[in-house]
C-alpha atoms as a PDB file:
ATOM      1  CA  UNK A   1       4.859  32.501  18.829  1.00  0.00           C
ATOM      2  CA  UNK A   2       7.255  35.448  18.615  1.00  0.00           C
ATOM      3  CA  UNK A   3       4.945  37.696  16.542  1.00  0.00           C
ATOM      4  CA  UNK A   4       1.903  37.013  18.686  1.00  0.00           C
ATOM      5  CA  UNK A   5       3.849  37.554  21.881  1.00  0.00           C
ATOM      6  CA  UNK A   6       5.320  40.805  20.599  1.00  0.00           C
ATOM      7  CA  UNK A   7       1.892  42.120  19.631  1.00  0.00           C
ATOM      8  CA  UNK A   8       0.393  41.160  22.982  1.00  0.00           C
ATOM      9  CA  UNK A   9       3.242  42.665  25.037  1.00  0.00           C
ATOM     10  CA  UNK A  10       3.167  45.937  23.109  1.00  0.00           C
ATOM     11  CA  UNK A  11      -0.592  46.255  23.500  1.00  0.00           C
ATOM     12  CA  UNK A  12      -0.339  45.666  27.252  1.00  0.00           C
ATOM     13  CA  UNK A  13       2.492  48.181  27.595  1.00  0.00           C
ATOM     14  CA  UNK A  14       0.679  50.831  25.536  1.00  0.00           C
ATOM     15  CA  UNK A  15      -2.566  50.499  27.488  1.00  0.00           C
ATOM     16  CA  UNK A  16      -0.809  50.305  30.869  1.00  0.00           C
ATOM     17  CA  UNK A  17       1.288  53.397  30.076  1.00  0.00           C
ATOM     18  CA  UNK A  18      -1.871  55.363  29.317  1.00  0.00           C
ATOM     19  CA  UNK A  19      -3.713  54.110  32.392  1.00  0.00           C
ATOM     20  CA  UNK A  20      -0.784  55.164  34.593  1.00  0.00           C
ATOM     21  CA  UNK A  21      -1.072  58.826  33.510  1.00  0.00           C
ATOM     22  CA  UNK A  22      -2.745  61.210  35.950  1.00  0.00           C
ATOM     23  CA  UNK A  23      -3.095  64.988  35.719  1.00  0.00           C
ATOM     24  CA  UNK A  24      -0.067  66.679  37.292  1.00  0.00           C
ATOM     25  CA  UNK A  25       0.085  69.881  39.320  1.00  0.00           C
ATOM     26  CA  UNK A  26       3.809  70.546  38.832  1.00  0.00           C
ATOM     27  CA  UNK A  27       5.506  73.245  36.812  1.00  0.00           C
ATOM     28  CA  UNK A  28       4.704  73.834  33.151  1.00  0.00           C
ATOM     29  CA  UNK A  29       7.855  71.984  32.048  1.00  0.00           C
ATOM     30  CA  UNK A  30       7.063  68.964  34.220  1.00  0.00           C
ATOM     31  CA  UNK A  31       3.474  68.796  33.031  1.00  0.00           C
ATOM     32  CA  UNK A  32       4.499  69.184  29.387  1.00  0.00           C
ATOM     33  CA  UNK A  33       7.072  66.351  29.441  1.00  0.00           C
ATOM     34  CA  UNK A  34       4.745  64.128  31.476  1.00  0.00           C
ATOM     35  CA  UNK A  35       1.705  64.675  29.232  1.00  0.00           C
ATOM     36  CA  UNK A  36       3.695  64.489  25.988  1.00  0.00           C
ATOM     37  CA  UNK A  37       5.329  61.197  26.929  1.00  0.00           C
ATOM     38  CA  UNK A  38       1.975  59.773  28.013  1.00  0.00           C
ATOM     39  CA  UNK A  39       0.395  60.845  24.766  1.00  0.00           C
ATOM     40  CA  UNK A  40       3.199  59.949  22.327  1.00  0.00           C
ATOM     41  CA  UNK A  41       4.838  56.783  23.595  1.00  0.00           C
ATOM     42  CA  UNK A  42       1.907  54.335  23.162  1.00  0.00           C
ATOM     43  CA  UNK A  43       1.077  55.345  19.533  1.00  0.00           C
ATOM     44  CA  UNK A  44       4.747  55.394  18.519  1.00  0.00           C
ATOM     45  CA  UNK A  45       5.268  51.990  20.132  1.00  0.00           C
ATOM     46  CA  UNK A  46       2.306  50.609  18.185  1.00  0.00           C
ATOM     47  CA  UNK A  47       3.626  52.181  14.987  1.00  0.00           C
ATOM     48  CA  UNK A  48       7.147  50.774  15.349  1.00  0.00           C
ATOM     49  CA  UNK A  49       5.697  47.362  16.207  1.00  0.00           C
ATOM     50  CA  UNK A  50       3.640  47.396  13.016  1.00  0.00           C
ATOM     51  CA  UNK A  51       6.726  48.338  10.989  1.00  0.00           C
ATOM     52  CA  UNK A  52       8.729  45.580  12.697  1.00  0.00           C
ATOM     53  CA  UNK A  53       6.033  42.973  11.921  1.00  0.00           C
ATOM     54  CA  UNK A  54       6.010  44.000   8.276  1.00  0.00           C
ATOM     55  CA  UNK A  55       9.826  43.872   8.101  1.00  0.00           C
ATOM     56  CA  UNK A  56       9.886  40.382   9.596  1.00  0.00           C
ATOM     57  CA  UNK A  57       7.312  39.183   7.109  1.00  0.00           C
ATOM     58  CA  UNK A  58       4.736  36.385   7.437  1.00  0.00           C
ATOM     59  CA  UNK A  59       7.219  33.488   7.380  1.00  0.00           C
ATOM     60  CA  UNK A  60       9.910  32.241   9.733  1.00  0.00           C
ATOM     61  CA  UNK A  61      11.086  29.202  11.657  1.00  0.00           C
ATOM     62  CA  UNK A  62       9.817  30.680  14.917  1.00  0.00           C
ATOM     63  CA  UNK A  63       6.218  31.345  13.825  1.00  0.00           C
ATOM     64  CA  UNK A  64       3.323  29.214  12.603  1.00  0.00           C
ATOM     65  CA  UNK A  65       1.973  30.068   9.177  1.00  0.00           C
ATOM     66  CA  UNK A  66      -1.370  31.298  10.554  1.00  0.00           C
ATOM     67  CA  UNK A  67       0.336  33.427  13.208  1.00  0.00           C
ATOM     68  CA  UNK A  68       2.775  34.919  10.720  1.00  0.00           C
ATOM     69  CA  UNK A  69       0.133  35.911   8.225  1.00  0.00           C
ATOM     70  CA  UNK A  70      -2.283  37.233  10.861  1.00  0.00           C
ATOM     71  CA  UNK A  71       0.343  39.460  12.530  1.00  0.00           C
ATOM     72  CA  UNK A  72       1.715  40.511   9.121  1.00  0.00           C
ATOM     73  CA  UNK A  73      -1.800  41.456   7.979  1.00  0.00           C
ATOM     74  CA  UNK A  74      -2.375  43.332  11.229  1.00  0.00           C
ATOM     75  CA  UNK A  75       0.796  45.330  10.742  1.00  0.00           C
ATOM     76  CA  UNK A  76      -0.015  46.122   7.105  1.00  0.00           C
ATOM     77  CA  UNK A  77      -3.556  47.105   8.023  1.00  0.00           C
ATOM     78  CA  UNK A  78      -2.420  49.447  10.790  1.00  0.00           C
ATOM     79  CA  UNK A  79       0.088  51.194   8.507  1.00  0.00           C
ATOM     80  CA  UNK A  80      -2.431  51.533   5.673  1.00  0.00           C
ATOM     81  CA  UNK A  81      -4.977  53.083   8.029  1.00  0.00           C
ATOM     82  CA  UNK A  82      -2.290  55.413   9.427  1.00  0.00           C
ATOM     83  CA  UNK A  83      -1.184  56.614   6.007  1.00  0.00           C
ATOM     84  CA  UNK A  84      -4.776  56.942   4.756  1.00  0.00           C
ATOM     85  CA  UNK A  85      -5.792  58.986   7.807  1.00  0.00           C
ATOM     86  CA  UNK A  86      -2.723  61.181   7.452  1.00  0.00           C
ATOM     87  CA  UNK A  87      -3.602  61.894   3.830  1.00  0.00           C
ATOM     88  CA  UNK A  88      -7.214  62.680   4.741  1.00  0.00           C
ATOM     89  CA  UNK A  89      -6.223  65.116   7.505  1.00  0.00           C
ATOM     90  CA  UNK A  90      -3.601  66.766   5.301  1.00  0.00           C
ATOM     91  CA  UNK A  91      -6.167  67.267   2.532  1.00  0.00           C
ATOM     92  CA  UNK A  92      -8.697  68.715   4.981  1.00  0.00           C
ATOM     93  CA  UNK A  93      -6.029  71.018   6.379  1.00  0.00           C
ATOM     94  CA  UNK A  94      -4.997  72.189   2.938  1.00  0.00           C
ATOM     95  CA  UNK A  95      -8.621  72.943   2.016  1.00  0.00           C
ATOM     96  CA  UNK A  96      -9.023  74.950   5.210  1.00  0.00           C
ATOM     97  CA  UNK A  97      -5.905  76.920   4.404  1.00  0.00           C
ATOM     98  CA  UNK A  98      -7.051  77.583   0.842  1.00  0.00           C
ATOM     99  CA  UNK A  99     -10.407  78.824   2.174  1.00  0.00           C
ATOM    100  CA  UNK A 100      -8.683  81.103   4.690  1.00  0.00           C
ATOM    101  CA  UNK A 101      -6.525  82.634   1.971  1.00  0.00           C
ATOM    102  CA  UNK A 102      -9.673  83.743   0.166  1.00  0.00           C
ATOM    103  CA  UNK A 103     -10.527  86.125   3.010  1.00  0.00           C
ATOM    104  CA  UNK A 104      -9.546  89.786   2.793  1.00  0.00           C
ATOM    105  CA  UNK A 105      -5.949  90.484   3.773  1.00  0.00           C
ATOM    106  CA  UNK A 106      -5.603  93.114   6.517  1.00  0.00           C
ATOM    107  CA  UNK A 107      -2.946  94.768   8.645  1.00  0.00           C
ATOM    108  CA  UNK A 108      -3.341  94.480  12.415  1.00  0.00           C
ATOM    109  CA  UNK A 109      -1.001  96.796  14.301  1.00  0.00           C
ATOM    110  CA  UNK A 110       1.812  95.803  11.949  1.00  0.00           C
ATOM    111  CA  UNK A 111       0.818  92.127  11.762  1.00  0.00           C
ATOM    112  CA  UNK A 112      -0.673  90.687   8.558  1.00  0.00           C
ATOM    113  CA  UNK A 113      -3.788  88.582   8.805  1.00  0.00           C
ATOM    114  CA  UNK A 114      -7.074  87.542   7.171  1.00  0.00           C
ATOM    115  CA  UNK A 115     -10.429  89.080   8.039  1.00  0.00           C
ATOM    116  CA  UNK A 116     -13.177  86.581   8.856  1.00  0.00           C
ATOM    117  CA  UNK A 117     -16.577  88.140   8.027  1.00  0.00           C
ATOM    118  CA  UNK A 118     -18.461  87.264  11.230  1.00  0.00           C
ATOM    119  CA  UNK A 119     -19.481  89.194  14.296  1.00  0.00           C
ATOM    120  CA  UNK A 120     -18.368  86.376  16.647  1.00  0.00           C
ATOM    121  CA  UNK A 121     -15.085  87.387  18.360  1.00  0.00           C
ATOM    122  CA  UNK A 122     -12.507  84.931  17.061  1.00  0.00           C
ATOM    123  CA  UNK A 123      -8.775  84.792  16.376  1.00  0.00           C
ATOM    124  CA  UNK A 124      -6.574  81.824  15.501  1.00  0.00           C
ATOM    125  CA  UNK A 125      -3.553  80.566  13.616  1.00  0.00           C
ATOM    126  CA  UNK A 126      -4.555  78.281  10.752  1.00  0.00           C
ATOM    127  CA  UNK A 127      -2.123  76.235   8.668  1.00  0.00           C
ATOM    128  CA  UNK A 128       0.976  74.139   8.976  1.00  0.00           C
ATOM    129  CA  UNK A 129       4.561  75.432   9.373  1.00  0.00           C
ATOM    130  CA  UNK A 130       3.780  78.988   8.222  1.00  0.00           C
ATOM    131  CA  UNK A 131       0.273  79.531   9.562  1.00  0.00           C
ATOM    132  CA  UNK A 132      -2.152  82.263   8.551  1.00  0.00           C
ATOM    133  CA  UNK A 133      -3.582  84.577  11.222  1.00  0.00           C
ATOM    134  CA  UNK A 134      -7.388  84.726  11.008  1.00  0.00           C
ATOM    135  CA  UNK A 135      -9.263  87.503  12.850  1.00  0.00           C
ATOM    136  CA  UNK A 136     -12.996  88.063  12.858  1.00  0.00           C
ATOM    137  CA  UNK A 137     -14.706  91.426  12.420  1.00  0.00           C
ATOM    138  CA  UNK A 138     -16.411  90.817  15.740  1.00  0.00           C
ATOM    139  CA  UNK A 139     -13.091  90.629  17.563  1.00  0.00           C
ATOM    140  CA  UNK A 140     -11.913  93.934  16.113  1.00  0.00           C
ATOM    141  CA  UNK A 141     -15.087  95.669  17.311  1.00  0.00           C
ATOM    142  CA  UNK A 142     -15.110  93.975  20.732  1.00  0.00           C
ATOM    143  CA  UNK A 143     -11.544  94.365  21.978  1.00  0.00           C
ATOM    144  CA  UNK A 144      -9.726  97.599  22.709  1.00  0.00           C
ATOM    145  CA  UNK A 145      -6.497  98.396  20.876  1.00  0.00           C
ATOM    146  CA  UNK A 146      -4.480  97.433  23.963  1.00  0.00           C
ATOM    147  CA  UNK A 147      -6.306  94.121  24.360  1.00  0.00           C
ATOM    148  CA  UNK A 148      -5.919  93.368  20.652  1.00  0.00           C
ATOM    149  CA  UNK A 149      -2.167  94.040  20.894  1.00  0.00           C
ATOM    150  CA  UNK A 150      -1.936  91.576  23.806  1.00  0.00           C
ATOM    151  CA  UNK A 151      -3.820  88.880  21.878  1.00  0.00           C
ATOM    152  CA  UNK A 152      -1.585  89.418  18.850  1.00  0.00           C
ATOM    153  CA  UNK A 153       1.432  88.743  21.088  1.00  0.00           C
ATOM    154  CA  UNK A 154      -0.228  85.486  22.142  1.00  0.00           C
ATOM    155  CA  UNK A 155      -0.759  84.512  18.492  1.00  0.00           C
ATOM    156  CA  UNK A 156       2.823  85.491  17.663  1.00  0.00           C
ATOM    157  CA  UNK A 157       3.959  83.003  20.296  1.00  0.00           C
ATOM    158  CA  UNK A 158       2.014  80.260  18.533  1.00  0.00           C
ATOM    159  CA  UNK A 159       3.756  81.219  15.314  1.00  0.00           C
ATOM    160  CA  UNK A 160       7.197  81.197  16.935  1.00  0.00           C
ATOM    161  CA  UNK A 161       6.581  77.686  18.293  1.00  0.00           C
ATOM    162  CA  UNK A 162       4.954  76.466  15.022  1.00  0.00           C
ATOM    163  CA  UNK A 163       2.143  75.034  17.149  1.00  0.00           C
ATOM    164  CA  UNK A 164      -0.192  74.392  14.231  1.00  0.00           C
ATOM    165  CA  UNK A 165       2.425  72.186  12.532  1.00  0.00           C
ATOM    166  CA  UNK A 166       3.296  70.106  15.585  1.00  0.00           C
ATOM    167  CA  UNK A 167      -0.301  69.745  16.737  1.00  0.00           C
ATOM    168  CA  UNK A 168      -1.290  68.577  13.266  1.00  0.00           C
ATOM    169  CA  UNK A 169       0.908  65.529  13.831  1.00  0.00           C
ATOM    170  CA  UNK A 170      -0.302  65.089  17.389  1.00  0.00           C
ATOM    171  CA  UNK A 171      -3.870  65.335  16.116  1.00  0.00           C
ATOM    172  CA  UNK A 172      -3.114  62.589  13.602  1.00  0.00           C
ATOM    173  CA  UNK A 173      -1.912  60.273  16.374  1.00  0.00           C
ATOM    174  CA  UNK A 174      -4.971  61.231  18.408  1.00  0.00           C
ATOM    175  CA  UNK A 175      -7.322  60.152  15.627  1.00  0.00           C
ATOM    176  CA  UNK A 176      -5.270  57.021  14.876  1.00  0.00           C
ATOM    177  CA  UNK A 177      -5.222  55.719  18.451  1.00  0.00           C
ATOM    178  CA  UNK A 178      -8.309  57.305  19.914  1.00  0.00           C
ATOM    179  CA  UNK A 179      -9.322  53.910  21.276  1.00  0.00           C
ATOM    180  CA  UNK A 180      -6.442  54.001  23.786  1.00  0.00           C
ATOM    181  CA  UNK A 181      -7.369  55.005  27.365  1.00  0.00           C
ATOM    182  CA  UNK A 182      -7.216  58.692  28.350  1.00  0.00           C
ATOM    183  CA  UNK A 183      -6.553  59.920  24.814  1.00  0.00           C
ATOM    184  CA  UNK A 184      -8.994  62.825  25.099  1.00  0.00           C
ATOM    185  CA  UNK A 185      -7.809  63.775  28.597  1.00  0.00           C
ATOM    186  CA  UNK A 186      -4.186  63.935  27.429  1.00  0.00           C
ATOM    187  CA  UNK A 187      -5.191  65.868  24.309  1.00  0.00           C
ATOM    188  CA  UNK A 188      -6.994  68.463  26.387  1.00  0.00           C
ATOM    189  CA  UNK A 189      -4.014  68.721  28.707  1.00  0.00           C
ATOM    190  CA  UNK A 190      -1.659  69.336  25.763  1.00  0.00           C
ATOM    191  CA  UNK A 191      -3.999  71.972  24.325  1.00  0.00           C
ATOM    192  CA  UNK A 192      -4.099  73.764  27.670  1.00  0.00           C
ATOM    193  CA  UNK A 193      -0.317  73.626  28.066  1.00  0.00           C
ATOM    194  CA  UNK A 194       0.072  74.963  24.524  1.00  0.00           C
ATOM    195  CA  UNK A 195      -2.091  77.964  25.439  1.00  0.00           C
ATOM    196  CA  UNK A 196      -0.280  78.466  28.747  1.00  0.00           C
ATOM    197  CA  UNK A 197       3.047  78.539  26.892  1.00  0.00           C
ATOM    198  CA  UNK A 198       1.736  81.157  24.442  1.00  0.00           C
ATOM    199  CA  UNK A 199       0.295  83.184  27.336  1.00  0.00           C
ATOM    200  CA  UNK A 200       3.634  83.068  29.172  1.00  0.00           C
ATOM    201  CA  UNK A 201       5.524  84.283  26.123  1.00  0.00           C
ATOM    202  CA  UNK A 202       2.985  87.030  25.477  1.00  0.00           C
ATOM    203  CA  UNK A 203       3.128  88.545  28.971  1.00  0.00           C
ATOM    204  CA  UNK A 204       6.851  89.084  28.524  1.00  0.00           C
ATOM    205  CA  UNK A 205       5.804  91.886  26.170  1.00  0.00           C
ATOM    206  CA  UNK A 206       2.357  92.995  27.421  1.00  0.00           C
ATOM    207  CA  UNK A 207       0.389  93.289  30.663  1.00  0.00           C
ATOM    208  CA  UNK A 208      -1.067  89.942  31.710  1.00  0.00           C
ATOM    209  CA  UNK A 209      -4.221  91.689  32.919  1.00  0.00           C
ATOM    210  CA  UNK A 210      -4.998  92.886  29.394  1.00  0.00           C
ATOM    211  CA  UNK A 211      -4.606  89.372  28.039  1.00  0.00           C
ATOM    212  CA  UNK A 212      -6.817  87.983  30.801  1.00  0.00           C
ATOM    213  CA  UNK A 213      -9.523  90.533  30.032  1.00  0.00           C
ATOM    214  CA  UNK A 214      -9.378  89.688  26.332  1.00  0.00           C
ATOM    215  CA  UNK A 215      -9.566  85.983  27.090  1.00  0.00           C
ATOM    216  CA  UNK A 216     -12.693  86.435  29.224  1.00  0.00           C
ATOM    217  CA  UNK A 217     -14.295  88.483  26.452  1.00  0.00           C
ATOM    218  CA  UNK A 218     -13.577  85.940  23.729  1.00  0.00           C
ATOM    219  CA  UNK A 219     -14.657  82.816  25.661  1.00  0.00           C
ATOM    220  CA  UNK A 220     -17.971  84.405  26.597  1.00  0.00           C
ATOM    221  CA  UNK A 221     -19.150  83.886  23.018  1.00  0.00           C
ATOM    222  CA  UNK A 222     -19.867  80.664  21.040  1.00  0.00           C
ATOM    223  CA  UNK A 223     -16.695  78.847  19.994  1.00  0.00           C
ATOM    224  CA  UNK A 224     -15.851  77.720  16.462  1.00  0.00           C
ATOM    225  CA  UNK A 225     -15.240  74.046  15.789  1.00  0.00           C
ATOM    226  CA  UNK A 226     -11.527  74.204  15.024  1.00  0.00           C
ATOM    227  CA  UNK A 227      -9.509  71.540  13.159  1.00  0.00           C
ATOM    228  CA  UNK A 228      -6.189  70.156  14.386  1.00  0.00           C
ATOM    229  CA  UNK A 229      -4.282  72.622  12.206  1.00  0.00           C
ATOM    230  CA  UNK A 230      -5.803  75.538  14.100  1.00  0.00           C
ATOM    231  CA  UNK A 231      -4.468  77.150  17.286  1.00  0.00           C
ATOM    232  CA  UNK A 232      -7.323  79.288  18.641  1.00  0.00           C
ATOM    233  CA  UNK A 233      -6.953  81.862  21.416  1.00  0.00           C
ATOM    234  CA  UNK A 234      -9.867  80.406  23.403  1.00  0.00           C
ATOM    235  CA  UNK A 235      -8.870  76.766  22.895  1.00  0.00           C
ATOM    236  CA  UNK A 236      -9.434  74.391  25.838  1.00  0.00           C
ATOM    237  CA  UNK A 237     -11.311  77.067  27.743  1.00  0.00           C
ATOM    238  CA  UNK A 238     -13.578  74.972  29.981  1.00  0.00           C
ATOM    239  CA  UNK A 239     -14.391  76.564  33.324  1.00  0.00           C
ATOM    240  CA  UNK A 240     -11.581  74.979  35.343  1.00  0.00           C
ATOM    241  CA  UNK A 241      -8.998  75.378  32.578  1.00  0.00           C
ATOM    242  CA  UNK A 242     -10.054  78.970  31.984  1.00  0.00           C
ATOM    243  CA  UNK A 243      -9.510  79.618  35.686  1.00  0.00           C
ATOM    244  CA  UNK A 244      -6.060  78.064  35.441  1.00  0.00           C
ATOM    245  CA  UNK A 245      -5.113  80.277  32.516  1.00  0.00           C
ATOM    246  CA  UNK A 246      -6.343  83.407  34.272  1.00  0.00           C
ATOM    247  CA  UNK A 247      -4.451  82.480  37.446  1.00  0.00           C
ATOM    248  CA  UNK A 248      -1.288  81.901  35.417  1.00  0.00           C
ATOM    249  CA  UNK A 249      -1.669  85.239  33.630  1.00  0.00           C
ATOM    250  CA  UNK A 250      -2.123  87.164  36.893  1.00  0.00           C
ATOM    251  CA  UNK A 251       0.268  85.151  39.049  1.00  0.00           C
ATOM    252  CA  UNK A 252       4.007  84.725  39.177  1.00  0.00           C
ATOM    253  CA  UNK A 253       5.550  82.955  36.152  1.00  0.00           C
ATOM    254  CA  UNK A 254       7.176  79.575  36.557  1.00  0.00           C
ATOM    255  CA  UNK A 255      10.936  79.550  36.985  1.00  0.00           C
ATOM    256  CA  UNK A 256      12.367  77.808  33.875  1.00  0.00           C
ATOM    257  CA  UNK A 257      13.875  74.428  34.674  1.00  0.00           C
ATOM    258  CA  UNK A 258      17.107  73.166  33.178  1.00  0.00           C
ATOM    259  CA  UNK A 259      16.592  70.925  30.179  1.00  0.00           C
ATOM    260  CA  UNK A 260      17.616  67.333  30.783  1.00  0.00           C
ATOM    261  CA  UNK A 261      17.960  65.216  27.683  1.00  0.00           C
ATOM    262  CA  UNK A 262      17.445  62.044  29.670  1.00  0.00           C
ATOM    263  CA  UNK A 263      13.772  62.962  29.884  1.00  0.00           C
ATOM    264  CA  UNK A 264      13.527  62.105  26.197  1.00  0.00           C
ATOM    265  CA  UNK A 265      15.438  58.863  26.555  1.00  0.00           C
ATOM    266  CA  UNK A 266      12.175  57.176  27.481  1.00  0.00           C
ATOM    267  CA  UNK A 267      11.163  57.363  23.830  1.00  0.00           C
ATOM    268  CA  UNK A 268      13.902  54.855  23.055  1.00  0.00           C
ATOM    269  CA  UNK A 269      11.454  52.312  24.453  1.00  0.00           C
ATOM    270  CA  UNK A 270       9.380  52.755  21.328  1.00  0.00           C
ATOM    271  CA  UNK A 271      12.290  51.404  19.228  1.00  0.00           C
ATOM    272  CA  UNK A 272      12.524  48.100  21.137  1.00  0.00           C
ATOM    273  CA  UNK A 273      10.392  46.157  18.592  1.00  0.00           C
ATOM    274  CA  UNK A 274      13.132  46.768  15.985  1.00  0.00           C
ATOM    275  CA  UNK A 275      15.589  44.775  18.105  1.00  0.00           C
ATOM    276  CA  UNK A 276      13.722  41.586  17.245  1.00  0.00           C
ATOM    277  CA  UNK A 277      14.000  42.036  13.471  1.00  0.00           C
ATOM    278  CA  UNK A 278      17.643  40.770  13.191  1.00  0.00           C
ATOM    279  CA  UNK A 279      16.696  37.648  15.147  1.00  0.00           C
ATOM    280  CA  UNK A 280      13.842  36.739  12.862  1.00  0.00           C
ATOM    281  CA  UNK A 281      14.685  33.690  10.754  1.00  0.00           C
END
């Protein structure tokens, strides 16, 4: 009954871990670690369990033949779906990037980008590790030069952090385990924290008031449906989250906390299923 018990325990832990997450009001660093662990740990635990089940195989002295084959098939099925979904998202992302590169190349205050032929104010990073900056004609005619410079600093922060690359992988896990509790809430929290981080980096170079004014201008127009490989300036801009971003731009910045590596030690829990592989006979 080892395979069945392992599957059941992991499912309970993954669901319980998600259910235990609640929105935090701490510092940016605290919220980021808390939300990221709540988002990542359950999918990674499920993934490592599937790999462990496949490694142990369908046979063994400690499992019945029906249990071994059912858990083995479950593990294989999960991994096949994961790889297939990853390939689908990567293909969609590549097509989006190819389409973006067909737009006219322009220079924006010393920053290269692509001009989107629409009057809707829009700006975003699109791509993977080296993302392309996409700017609409509407944004150029709506914002002042000072506001545009502030927004470009925000987008530069996304590029420095390679947000489109990392959120492509997070988006894959989101699609793969969307059935887990609070997936969408955690996703929205991570999107907001991503934008808060870019805002914080930008106001080290420009006036936060200019960035706040530009944000209010952009979110007052219809929003594009952006893929997971896109980091848009007005992402996660619901009323309460918009208010939080504005308050952060106009208020005092958080004091950076020291980095403690033990915060990441919790992800070692996701490797526990591998400990059973050597004992499988």
